[in-house]
Amino acid sequence: MNKIMKELGYTDSWIHLGIIDLDTIESQYNEFLSSDSFSEHYRVDRLNKYLDQKISFTDKELELLLEIFEDDKDLESTLYLNLLSNQELNKKQFEFVAKSFMDLGKWAIDKLSLIRLERSLLANKLSKKDLIEIIDKQNAKEHHLILNCSNLEEDVLIYIAENSKFSKVVNKALNRAKKVK
């Protein structure tokens, strides 16, 4: 079984955390042998299923997850991003994971700022003043995140439409503003 686990990229920590069991590994291996899929696809799928069913995390679980991520250089960034996007992480846990994620480089730090914005939007933690400050920075990705927020008021949508320098953002904001009226 160790040979199969190694070929699929699993370590004992995957089993210890309950992300996967031996029967599933064997089933995946049989499928892997008869397909043209990469082993990474199986690991990402299992992690996503694990994260989807979690309603909370212990600190120990997070430590083990980060060990798994750091051991899996092929998928490290993907695994981090999937975990950081999980809304079940409390603020302390999110920051714990974020600290390790930032070690991946500048791109990770930039991505993390977008993830933080998205979490704040989903939690409805930004005031109109905060949103206007973000809009004024003229970052297309941030504008799109704001527009994906379902509870925007008409005046914020109009502000984006009038002040964004990105045509797709302007059009989307105008269309949403028409529907709010």
N, C-alpha and C. Protein backbone atom coordinates (compact mmCIF):
# COMPACT_ATOMS: atom_id res chain seq x y z
N MET A 1 0.82 -1.20 0.00
CA MET A 1 0.00 0.00 0.00
C MET A 1 0.87 1.27 0.00
N ASN A 2 2.02 1.22 0.66
CA ASN A 2 2.90 2.40 0.70
C ASN A 2 3.35 2.80 -0.71
N LYS A 3 3.61 1.80 -1.56
CA LYS A 3 4.02 2.09 -2.94
C LYS A 3 2.89 2.80 -3.68
N ILE A 4 1.67 2.34 -3.49
CA ILE A 4 0.51 2.95 -4.15
C ILE A 4 0.31 4.38 -3.63
N MET A 5 0.40 4.54 -2.31
CA MET A 5 0.24 5.87 -1.73
C MET A 5 1.29 6.83 -2.29
N LYS A 6 2.50 6.36 -2.37
CA LYS A 6 3.59 7.20 -2.87
C LYS A 6 3.35 7.58 -4.33
N GLU A 7 2.91 6.62 -5.13
CA GLU A 7 2.68 6.90 -6.55
C GLU A 7 1.55 7.91 -6.74
N LEU A 8 0.55 7.87 -5.86
CA LEU A 8 -0.54 8.84 -5.94
C LEU A 8 -0.22 10.15 -5.22
N GLY A 9 0.88 10.17 -4.47
CA GLY A 9 1.31 11.39 -3.80
C GLY A 9 0.75 11.58 -2.40
N TYR A 10 0.20 10.53 -1.82
CA TYR A 10 -0.35 10.61 -0.46
C TYR A 10 0.71 10.26 0.58
N THR A 11 0.56 10.85 1.74
CA THR A 11 1.37 10.47 2.90
C THR A 11 0.43 9.97 3.99
N ASP A 12 1.00 9.45 5.05
CA ASP A 12 0.18 8.97 6.17
C ASP A 12 -0.70 10.07 6.75
N SER A 13 -0.26 11.32 6.67
CA SER A 13 -1.05 12.43 7.21
C SER A 13 -2.41 12.56 6.54
N TRP A 14 -2.48 12.23 5.25
CA TRP A 14 -3.77 12.28 4.54
C TRP A 14 -4.76 11.32 5.19
N ILE A 15 -4.28 10.14 5.56
CA ILE A 15 -5.14 9.14 6.20
C ILE A 15 -5.43 9.55 7.64
N HIS A 16 -4.40 9.98 8.35
CA HIS A 16 -4.55 10.37 9.75
C HIS A 16 -5.61 11.46 9.92
N LEU A 17 -5.66 12.41 8.99
CA LEU A 17 -6.65 13.49 9.07
C LEU A 17 -8.04 13.05 8.61
N GLY A 18 -8.12 11.91 7.95
CA GLY A 18 -9.41 11.45 7.44
C GLY A 18 -9.76 12.04 6.09
N ILE A 19 -8.77 12.58 5.40
CA ILE A 19 -9.01 13.13 4.07
C ILE A 19 -9.29 11.99 3.09
N ILE A 20 -8.64 10.87 3.34
CA ILE A 20 -8.81 9.71 2.47
C ILE A 20 -8.61 8.45 3.31
N ASP A 21 -9.21 7.35 2.86
CA ASP A 21 -8.99 6.08 3.53
C ASP A 21 -8.34 5.09 2.55
N LEU A 22 -7.91 3.96 3.08
CA LEU A 22 -7.17 3.00 2.25
C LEU A 22 -8.02 2.45 1.10
N ASP A 23 -9.30 2.22 1.33
CA ASP A 23 -10.16 1.72 0.26
C ASP A 23 -10.25 2.71 -0.90
N THR A 24 -10.37 3.99 -0.55
CA THR A 24 -10.46 5.02 -1.59
C THR A 24 -9.14 5.14 -2.35
N ILE A 25 -8.04 5.01 -1.63
CA ILE A 25 -6.73 5.04 -2.29
C ILE A 25 -6.63 3.90 -3.29
N GLU A 26 -7.05 2.72 -2.89
CA GLU A 26 -6.99 1.57 -3.79
C GLU A 26 -7.88 1.78 -5.01
N SER A 27 -9.08 2.30 -4.77
CA SER A 27 -10.00 2.59 -5.87
C SER A 27 -9.41 3.64 -6.81
N GLN A 28 -8.83 4.69 -6.25
CA GLN A 28 -8.22 5.73 -7.08
C GLN A 28 -7.05 5.16 -7.88
N TYR A 29 -6.29 4.30 -7.26
CA TYR A 29 -5.13 3.73 -7.95
C TYR A 29 -5.57 2.90 -9.16
N ASN A 30 -6.61 2.10 -8.99
CA ASN A 30 -7.12 1.30 -10.11
C ASN A 30 -7.61 2.21 -11.24
N GLU A 31 -8.29 3.29 -10.87
CA GLU A 31 -8.75 4.25 -11.87
C GLU A 31 -7.55 4.95 -12.52
N PHE A 32 -6.57 5.32 -11.70
CA PHE A 32 -5.37 6.00 -12.17
C PHE A 32 -4.64 5.15 -13.22
N LEU A 33 -4.54 3.85 -12.98
CA LEU A 33 -3.85 2.96 -13.91
C LEU A 33 -4.54 2.87 -15.27
N SER A 34 -5.85 3.05 -15.27
CA SER A 34 -6.60 2.90 -16.52
C SER A 34 -7.01 4.23 -17.15
N SER A 35 -6.43 5.32 -16.66
CA SER A 35 -6.81 6.63 -17.22
C SER A 35 -5.55 7.42 -17.57
N ASP A 36 -5.79 8.59 -18.14
CA ASP A 36 -4.66 9.46 -18.45
C ASP A 36 -4.62 10.66 -17.48
N SER A 37 -5.27 10.52 -16.34
CA SER A 37 -5.27 11.57 -15.32
C SER A 37 -3.94 11.61 -14.58
N PHE A 38 -3.64 12.76 -14.03
CA PHE A 38 -2.47 12.92 -13.19
C PHE A 38 -2.87 12.68 -11.74
N SER A 39 -1.94 12.19 -10.94
CA SER A 39 -2.24 11.89 -9.54
C SER A 39 -2.67 13.14 -8.77
N GLU A 40 -2.19 14.31 -9.22
CA GLU A 40 -2.56 15.56 -8.55
C GLU A 40 -4.07 15.77 -8.54
N HIS A 41 -4.74 15.36 -9.60
CA HIS A 41 -6.20 15.54 -9.68
C HIS A 41 -6.90 14.80 -8.55
N TYR A 42 -6.43 13.62 -8.23
CA TYR A 42 -7.04 12.84 -7.16
C TYR A 42 -6.84 13.52 -5.80
N ARG A 43 -5.65 14.06 -5.58
CA ARG A 43 -5.37 14.70 -4.29
C ARG A 43 -6.19 15.98 -4.11
N VAL A 44 -6.28 16.78 -5.16
CA VAL A 44 -7.08 18.01 -5.07
C VAL A 44 -8.54 17.66 -4.83
N ASP A 45 -9.04 16.68 -5.54
CA ASP A 45 -10.43 16.25 -5.36
C ASP A 45 -10.70 15.81 -3.92
N ARG A 46 -9.80 15.01 -3.38
CA ARG A 46 -9.99 14.52 -2.00
C ARG A 46 -9.93 15.67 -1.00
N LEU A 47 -8.98 16.58 -1.20
CA LEU A 47 -8.88 17.72 -0.28
C LEU A 47 -10.14 18.57 -0.35
N ASN A 48 -10.64 18.83 -1.54
CA ASN A 48 -11.85 19.64 -1.67
C ASN A 48 -13.04 18.97 -1.00
N LYS A 49 -13.17 17.66 -1.15
CA LYS A 49 -14.27 16.95 -0.48
C LYS A 49 -14.12 17.05 1.03
N TYR A 50 -12.91 16.93 1.51
CA TYR A 50 -12.64 17.05 2.95
C TYR A 50 -13.00 18.45 3.44
N LEU A 51 -12.55 19.48 2.72
CA LEU A 51 -12.83 20.85 3.14
C LEU A 51 -14.32 21.17 3.07
N ASP A 52 -15.01 20.64 2.07
CA ASP A 52 -16.44 20.90 1.92
C ASP A 52 -17.26 20.35 3.08
N GLN A 53 -16.80 19.25 3.67
CA GLN A 53 -17.58 18.64 4.75
C GLN A 53 -17.19 19.16 6.13
N LYS A 54 -16.13 19.96 6.21
CA LYS A 54 -15.67 20.48 7.50
C LYS A 54 -16.52 21.67 7.93
N ILE A 55 -16.92 21.67 9.20
CA ILE A 55 -17.63 22.83 9.74
C ILE A 55 -16.76 23.61 10.72
N SER A 56 -15.63 23.02 11.08
CA SER A 56 -14.64 23.72 11.90
C SER A 56 -13.33 22.95 11.82
N PHE A 57 -12.28 23.60 12.27
CA PHE A 57 -10.95 23.00 12.26
C PHE A 57 -10.32 23.15 13.63
N THR A 58 -9.61 22.12 14.05
CA THR A 58 -8.79 22.26 15.25
C THR A 58 -7.43 22.80 14.82
N ASP A 59 -6.71 23.36 15.76
CA ASP A 59 -5.37 23.85 15.44
C ASP A 59 -4.47 22.72 14.97
N LYS A 60 -4.62 21.55 15.56
CA LYS A 60 -3.81 20.39 15.17
C LYS A 60 -4.10 19.98 13.72
N GLU A 61 -5.39 20.00 13.35
CA GLU A 61 -5.75 19.68 11.96
C GLU A 61 -5.08 20.65 10.99
N LEU A 62 -5.08 21.92 11.34
CA LEU A 62 -4.45 22.91 10.47
C LEU A 62 -2.94 22.70 10.37
N GLU A 63 -2.32 22.36 11.48
CA GLU A 63 -0.88 22.09 11.45
C GLU A 63 -0.58 20.91 10.52
N LEU A 64 -1.39 19.86 10.62
CA LEU A 64 -1.19 18.69 9.75
C LEU A 64 -1.45 19.03 8.28
N LEU A 65 -2.48 19.83 8.04
CA LEU A 65 -2.76 20.24 6.67
C LEU A 65 -1.58 21.01 6.08
N LEU A 66 -1.02 21.92 6.86
CA LEU A 66 0.11 22.70 6.36
C LEU A 66 1.32 21.80 6.10
N GLU A 67 1.51 20.77 6.92
CA GLU A 67 2.58 19.80 6.66
C GLU A 67 2.35 19.09 5.32
N ILE A 68 1.10 18.70 5.09
CA ILE A 68 0.75 18.05 3.83
C ILE A 68 1.06 18.98 2.66
N PHE A 69 0.65 20.24 2.79
CA PHE A 69 0.87 21.20 1.71
C PHE A 69 2.35 21.37 1.42
N GLU A 70 3.14 21.52 2.48
CA GLU A 70 4.57 21.76 2.31
C GLU A 70 5.29 20.54 1.74
N ASP A 71 4.75 19.35 1.97
CA ASP A 71 5.33 18.13 1.43
C ASP A 71 4.95 17.90 -0.03
N ASP A 72 3.93 18.60 -0.52
CA ASP A 72 3.41 18.39 -1.86
C ASP A 72 3.72 19.60 -2.74
N LYS A 73 4.95 19.69 -3.18
CA LYS A 73 5.40 20.87 -3.94
C LYS A 73 4.64 21.05 -5.26
N ASP A 74 4.13 19.95 -5.83
CA ASP A 74 3.36 20.07 -7.07
C ASP A 74 2.06 20.84 -6.87
N LEU A 75 1.50 20.70 -5.69
CA LEU A 75 0.17 21.28 -5.43
C LEU A 75 0.14 22.27 -4.28
N GLU A 76 1.26 22.60 -3.73
CA GLU A 76 1.30 23.41 -2.52
C GLU A 76 0.44 24.67 -2.63
N SER A 77 0.61 25.44 -3.69
CA SER A 77 -0.14 26.69 -3.80
C SER A 77 -1.63 26.43 -3.97
N THR A 78 -2.01 25.42 -4.76
CA THR A 78 -3.42 25.09 -4.95
C THR A 78 -4.06 24.67 -3.63
N LEU A 79 -3.36 23.84 -2.88
CA LEU A 79 -3.90 23.37 -1.60
C LEU A 79 -4.08 24.53 -0.63
N TYR A 80 -3.11 25.41 -0.56
CA TYR A 80 -3.22 26.60 0.29
C TYR A 80 -4.43 27.44 -0.12
N LEU A 81 -4.55 27.71 -1.41
CA LEU A 81 -5.65 28.55 -1.88
C LEU A 81 -7.00 27.93 -1.56
N ASN A 82 -7.12 26.63 -1.71
CA ASN A 82 -8.38 25.96 -1.39
C ASN A 82 -8.72 26.10 0.10
N LEU A 83 -7.72 25.97 0.94
CA LEU A 83 -7.95 26.10 2.39
C LEU A 83 -8.26 27.55 2.76
N LEU A 84 -7.51 28.49 2.23
CA LEU A 84 -7.75 29.90 2.56
C LEU A 84 -9.11 30.39 2.08
N SER A 85 -9.65 29.75 1.07
CA SER A 85 -10.98 30.13 0.58
C SER A 85 -12.11 29.52 1.42
N ASN A 86 -11.76 28.65 2.34
CA ASN A 86 -12.75 27.99 3.18
C ASN A 86 -13.25 28.97 4.25
N GLN A 87 -14.53 29.23 4.24
CA GLN A 87 -15.12 30.20 5.16
C GLN A 87 -15.23 29.68 6.59
N GLU A 88 -14.92 28.41 6.81
CA GLU A 88 -15.00 27.84 8.16
C GLU A 88 -13.80 28.19 9.02
N LEU A 89 -12.75 28.71 8.41
CA LEU A 89 -11.59 29.13 9.20
C LEU A 89 -11.96 30.38 9.99
N ASN A 90 -11.69 30.35 11.29
CA ASN A 90 -11.91 31.59 12.05
C ASN A 90 -10.74 32.54 11.76
N LYS A 91 -10.83 33.76 12.26
CA LYS A 91 -9.82 34.78 11.94
C LYS A 91 -8.41 34.34 12.35
N LYS A 92 -8.28 33.78 13.55
CA LYS A 92 -6.97 33.34 14.04
C LYS A 92 -6.41 32.22 13.15
N GLN A 93 -7.26 31.27 12.78
CA GLN A 93 -6.82 30.17 11.93
C GLN A 93 -6.46 30.66 10.53
N PHE A 94 -7.27 31.57 10.01
CA PHE A 94 -6.98 32.14 8.69
C PHE A 94 -5.60 32.79 8.69
N GLU A 95 -5.30 33.57 9.71
CA GLU A 95 -4.02 34.26 9.79
C GLU A 95 -2.86 33.26 9.96
N PHE A 96 -3.11 32.18 10.69
CA PHE A 96 -2.09 31.14 10.86
C PHE A 96 -1.73 30.52 9.50
N VAL A 97 -2.74 30.20 8.71
CA VAL A 97 -2.51 29.62 7.39
C VAL A 97 -1.90 30.67 6.46
N ALA A 98 -2.40 31.89 6.53
CA ALA A 98 -1.91 32.97 5.67
C ALA A 98 -0.42 33.23 5.87
N LYS A 99 0.03 33.12 7.11
CA LYS A 99 1.44 33.37 7.41
C LYS A 99 2.34 32.39 6.63
N SER A 100 1.97 31.15 6.60
CA SER A 100 2.75 30.16 5.83
C SER A 100 2.60 30.37 4.33
N PHE A 101 1.40 30.72 3.90
CA PHE A 101 1.13 30.93 2.48
C PHE A 101 1.99 32.06 1.93
N MET A 102 2.17 33.12 2.69
CA MET A 102 2.95 34.27 2.23
C MET A 102 4.41 33.90 1.95
N ASP A 103 4.88 32.82 2.55
CA ASP A 103 6.25 32.37 2.30
C ASP A 103 6.46 31.91 0.85
N LEU A 104 5.36 31.72 0.12
CA LEU A 104 5.46 31.28 -1.27
C LEU A 104 5.89 32.41 -2.21
N GLY A 105 5.90 33.65 -1.73
CA GLY A 105 6.41 34.75 -2.55
C GLY A 105 5.44 35.90 -2.72
N LYS A 106 5.87 36.86 -3.51
CA LYS A 106 5.08 38.07 -3.72
C LYS A 106 3.71 37.78 -4.31
N TRP A 107 3.65 36.85 -5.27
CA TRP A 107 2.36 36.53 -5.88
C TRP A 107 1.37 36.06 -4.81
N ALA A 108 1.87 35.30 -3.81
CA ALA A 108 1.00 34.81 -2.74
C ALA A 108 0.50 35.96 -1.87
N ILE A 109 1.37 36.91 -1.61
CA ILE A 109 0.98 38.07 -0.81
C ILE A 109 -0.10 38.87 -1.56
N ASP A 110 0.07 39.05 -2.86
CA ASP A 110 -0.93 39.75 -3.67
C ASP A 110 -2.26 38.99 -3.69
N LYS A 111 -2.18 37.70 -3.86
CA LYS A 111 -3.40 36.87 -3.89
C LYS A 111 -4.09 36.90 -2.54
N LEU A 112 -3.30 36.90 -1.48
CA LEU A 112 -3.87 36.91 -0.14
C LEU A 112 -4.69 38.18 0.11
N SER A 113 -4.25 39.30 -0.43
CA SER A 113 -5.03 40.52 -0.24
C SER A 113 -6.40 40.40 -0.90
N LEU A 114 -6.47 39.72 -2.04
CA LEU A 114 -7.77 39.48 -2.70
C LEU A 114 -8.63 38.52 -1.89
N ILE A 115 -8.02 37.50 -1.33
CA ILE A 115 -8.76 36.54 -0.51
C ILE A 115 -9.32 37.24 0.73
N ARG A 116 -8.51 38.10 1.34
CA ARG A 116 -8.98 38.86 2.52
C ARG A 116 -10.16 39.75 2.14
N LEU A 117 -10.06 40.41 1.00
CA LEU A 117 -11.16 41.25 0.54
C LEU A 117 -12.42 40.41 0.34
N GLU A 118 -12.27 39.28 -0.31
CA GLU A 118 -13.42 38.42 -0.55
C GLU A 118 -14.06 37.95 0.75
N ARG A 119 -13.24 37.59 1.73
CA ARG A 119 -13.78 37.17 3.04
C ARG A 119 -14.53 38.31 3.71
N SER A 120 -13.98 39.52 3.61
CA SER A 120 -14.64 40.69 4.21
C SER A 120 -15.97 40.98 3.51
N LEU A 121 -15.99 40.85 2.19
CA LEU A 121 -17.23 41.06 1.45
C LEU A 121 -18.28 40.01 1.81
N LEU A 122 -17.87 38.76 1.88
CA LEU A 122 -18.81 37.69 2.22
C LEU A 122 -19.36 37.84 3.64
N ALA A 123 -18.54 38.37 4.52
CA ALA A 123 -18.97 38.57 5.91
C ALA A 123 -19.66 39.92 6.09
N ASN A 124 -19.80 40.68 5.00
CA ASN A 124 -20.45 41.99 5.03
C ASN A 124 -19.79 42.92 6.05
N LYS A 125 -18.47 42.93 6.06
CA LYS A 125 -17.72 43.70 7.05
C LYS A 125 -17.19 45.04 6.52
N LEU A 126 -17.54 45.41 5.31
CA LEU A 126 -17.01 46.64 4.74
C LEU A 126 -18.09 47.71 4.66
N SER A 127 -17.75 48.90 5.08
CA SER A 127 -18.67 50.03 4.98
C SER A 127 -18.62 50.59 3.56
N LYS A 128 -19.55 51.49 3.25
CA LYS A 128 -19.52 52.15 1.94
C LYS A 128 -18.21 52.91 1.78
N LYS A 129 -17.74 53.54 2.84
CA LYS A 129 -16.48 54.28 2.79
C LYS A 129 -15.33 53.33 2.43
N ASP A 130 -15.31 52.15 3.06
CA ASP A 130 -14.27 51.15 2.74
C ASP A 130 -14.34 50.75 1.26
N LEU A 131 -15.55 50.51 0.78
CA LEU A 131 -15.73 50.09 -0.60
C LEU A 131 -15.26 51.18 -1.57
N ILE A 132 -15.58 52.42 -1.27
CA ILE A 132 -15.17 53.53 -2.13
C ILE A 132 -13.64 53.65 -2.16
N GLU A 133 -13.01 53.48 -1.02
CA GLU A 133 -11.53 53.52 -0.98
C GLU A 133 -10.93 52.42 -1.84
N ILE A 134 -11.53 51.24 -1.79
CA ILE A 134 -11.04 50.11 -2.60
C ILE A 134 -11.27 50.41 -4.08
N ILE A 135 -12.44 50.91 -4.41
CA ILE A 135 -12.75 51.23 -5.81
C ILE A 135 -11.77 52.28 -6.35
N ASP A 136 -11.46 53.26 -5.54
CA ASP A 136 -10.57 54.34 -5.97
C ASP A 136 -9.14 53.86 -6.24
N LYS A 137 -8.75 52.71 -5.71
CA LYS A 137 -7.40 52.18 -5.98
C LYS A 137 -7.27 51.66 -7.41
N GLN A 138 -8.38 51.49 -8.10
CA GLN A 138 -8.40 51.08 -9.51
C GLN A 138 -7.72 49.74 -9.76
N ASN A 139 -8.14 48.72 -9.01
CA ASN A 139 -7.65 47.36 -9.22
C ASN A 139 -8.82 46.55 -9.79
N ALA A 140 -8.67 46.09 -11.02
CA ALA A 140 -9.77 45.40 -11.70
C ALA A 140 -10.23 44.16 -10.93
N LYS A 141 -9.30 43.41 -10.39
CA LYS A 141 -9.68 42.20 -9.64
C LYS A 141 -10.51 42.55 -8.42
N GLU A 142 -10.12 43.61 -7.73
CA GLU A 142 -10.89 44.05 -6.56
C GLU A 142 -12.28 44.54 -6.99
N HIS A 143 -12.35 45.26 -8.09
CA HIS A 143 -13.65 45.73 -8.59
C HIS A 143 -14.57 44.54 -8.90
N HIS A 144 -14.02 43.52 -9.55
CA HIS A 144 -14.83 42.34 -9.87
C HIS A 144 -15.30 41.62 -8.60
N LEU A 145 -14.43 41.52 -7.61
CA LEU A 145 -14.84 40.91 -6.35
C LEU A 145 -16.00 41.68 -5.72
N ILE A 146 -15.89 42.99 -5.73
CA ILE A 146 -16.96 43.82 -5.16
C ILE A 146 -18.26 43.60 -5.93
N LEU A 147 -18.17 43.58 -7.25
CA LEU A 147 -19.38 43.39 -8.06
C LEU A 147 -20.00 42.01 -7.88
N ASN A 148 -19.20 41.03 -7.50
CA ASN A 148 -19.74 39.69 -7.25
C ASN A 148 -20.47 39.60 -5.93
N CYS A 149 -20.34 40.63 -5.12
CA CYS A 149 -21.04 40.69 -3.84
C CYS A 149 -22.53 40.95 -4.11
N SER A 150 -23.38 40.14 -3.55
CA SER A 150 -24.81 40.20 -3.90
C SER A 150 -25.58 41.32 -3.21
N ASN A 151 -25.04 41.90 -2.15
CA ASN A 151 -25.82 42.86 -1.38
C ASN A 151 -25.38 44.32 -1.56
N LEU A 152 -24.90 44.66 -2.73
CA LEU A 152 -24.47 46.03 -2.99
C LEU A 152 -25.67 46.95 -3.18
N GLU A 153 -25.56 48.13 -2.62
CA GLU A 153 -26.63 49.12 -2.78
C GLU A 153 -26.41 49.89 -4.07
N GLU A 154 -27.47 50.50 -4.55
CA GLU A 154 -27.43 51.19 -5.84
C GLU A 154 -26.36 52.28 -5.89
N ASP A 155 -26.19 53.03 -4.80
CA ASP A 155 -25.21 54.11 -4.84
C ASP A 155 -23.77 53.60 -4.99
N VAL A 156 -23.47 52.42 -4.43
CA VAL A 156 -22.13 51.84 -4.61
C VAL A 156 -21.95 51.37 -6.05
N LEU A 157 -22.99 50.77 -6.59
CA LEU A 157 -22.92 50.33 -7.99
C LEU A 157 -22.72 51.52 -8.92
N ILE A 158 -23.42 52.60 -8.68
CA ILE A 158 -23.27 53.79 -9.51
C ILE A 158 -21.87 54.38 -9.34
N TYR A 159 -21.36 54.37 -8.12
CA TYR A 159 -20.01 54.88 -7.88
C TYR A 159 -18.98 54.08 -8.68
N ILE A 160 -19.13 52.76 -8.67
CA ILE A 160 -18.21 51.93 -9.46
C ILE A 160 -18.33 52.28 -10.94
N ALA A 161 -19.57 52.37 -11.43
CA ALA A 161 -19.80 52.66 -12.85
C ALA A 161 -19.20 54.01 -13.25
N GLU A 162 -19.29 54.98 -12.37
CA GLU A 162 -18.79 56.32 -12.70
C GLU A 162 -17.29 56.47 -12.49
N ASN A 163 -16.68 55.61 -11.69
CA ASN A 163 -15.29 55.83 -11.30
C ASN A 163 -14.31 54.75 -11.73
N SER A 164 -14.81 53.60 -12.13
CA SER A 164 -13.90 52.54 -12.55
C SER A 164 -13.36 52.85 -13.94
N LYS A 165 -12.10 52.53 -14.16
CA LYS A 165 -11.51 52.73 -15.49
C LYS A 165 -11.56 51.46 -16.33
N PHE A 166 -12.29 50.46 -15.86
CA PHE A 166 -12.36 49.17 -16.56
C PHE A 166 -13.75 49.01 -17.18
N SER A 167 -13.81 48.93 -18.50
CA SER A 167 -15.10 48.92 -19.20
C SER A 167 -16.00 47.77 -18.80
N LYS A 168 -15.44 46.59 -18.62
CA LYS A 168 -16.27 45.44 -18.21
C LYS A 168 -16.90 45.70 -16.85
N VAL A 169 -16.13 46.28 -15.95
CA VAL A 169 -16.63 46.60 -14.61
C VAL A 169 -17.74 47.64 -14.71
N VAL A 170 -17.51 48.68 -15.51
CA VAL A 170 -18.51 49.74 -15.68
C VAL A 170 -19.82 49.16 -16.20
N ASN A 171 -19.73 48.34 -17.25
CA ASN A 171 -20.95 47.74 -17.83
C ASN A 171 -21.68 46.85 -16.84
N LYS A 172 -20.93 46.04 -16.13
CA LYS A 172 -21.55 45.14 -15.15
C LYS A 172 -22.21 45.95 -14.03
N ALA A 173 -21.54 47.01 -13.58
CA ALA A 173 -22.10 47.84 -12.51
C ALA A 173 -23.39 48.53 -12.97
N LEU A 174 -23.37 49.06 -14.19
CA LEU A 174 -24.58 49.71 -14.73
C LEU A 174 -25.74 48.73 -14.84
N ASN A 175 -25.46 47.52 -15.34
CA ASN A 175 -26.51 46.51 -15.46
C ASN A 175 -27.08 46.14 -14.10
N ARG A 176 -26.20 45.98 -13.11
CA ARG A 176 -26.69 45.65 -11.76
C ARG A 176 -27.47 46.80 -11.16
N ALA A 177 -27.03 48.03 -11.40
CA ALA A 177 -27.71 49.20 -10.83
C ALA A 177 -29.13 49.31 -11.40
N LYS A 178 -29.31 48.99 -12.68
CA LYS A 178 -30.63 49.03 -13.29
C LYS A 178 -31.58 48.04 -12.61
N LYS A 179 -31.05 46.88 -12.22
CA LYS A 179 -31.87 45.84 -11.60
C LYS A 179 -32.24 46.19 -10.17
N VAL A 180 -31.42 47.01 -9.51
CA VAL A 180 -31.66 47.37 -8.11
C VAL A 180 -32.80 48.38 -8.01
N LYS A 181 -32.95 49.24 -9.03
CA LYS A 181 -33.98 50.30 -9.01
C LYS A 181 -35.37 49.75 -8.87
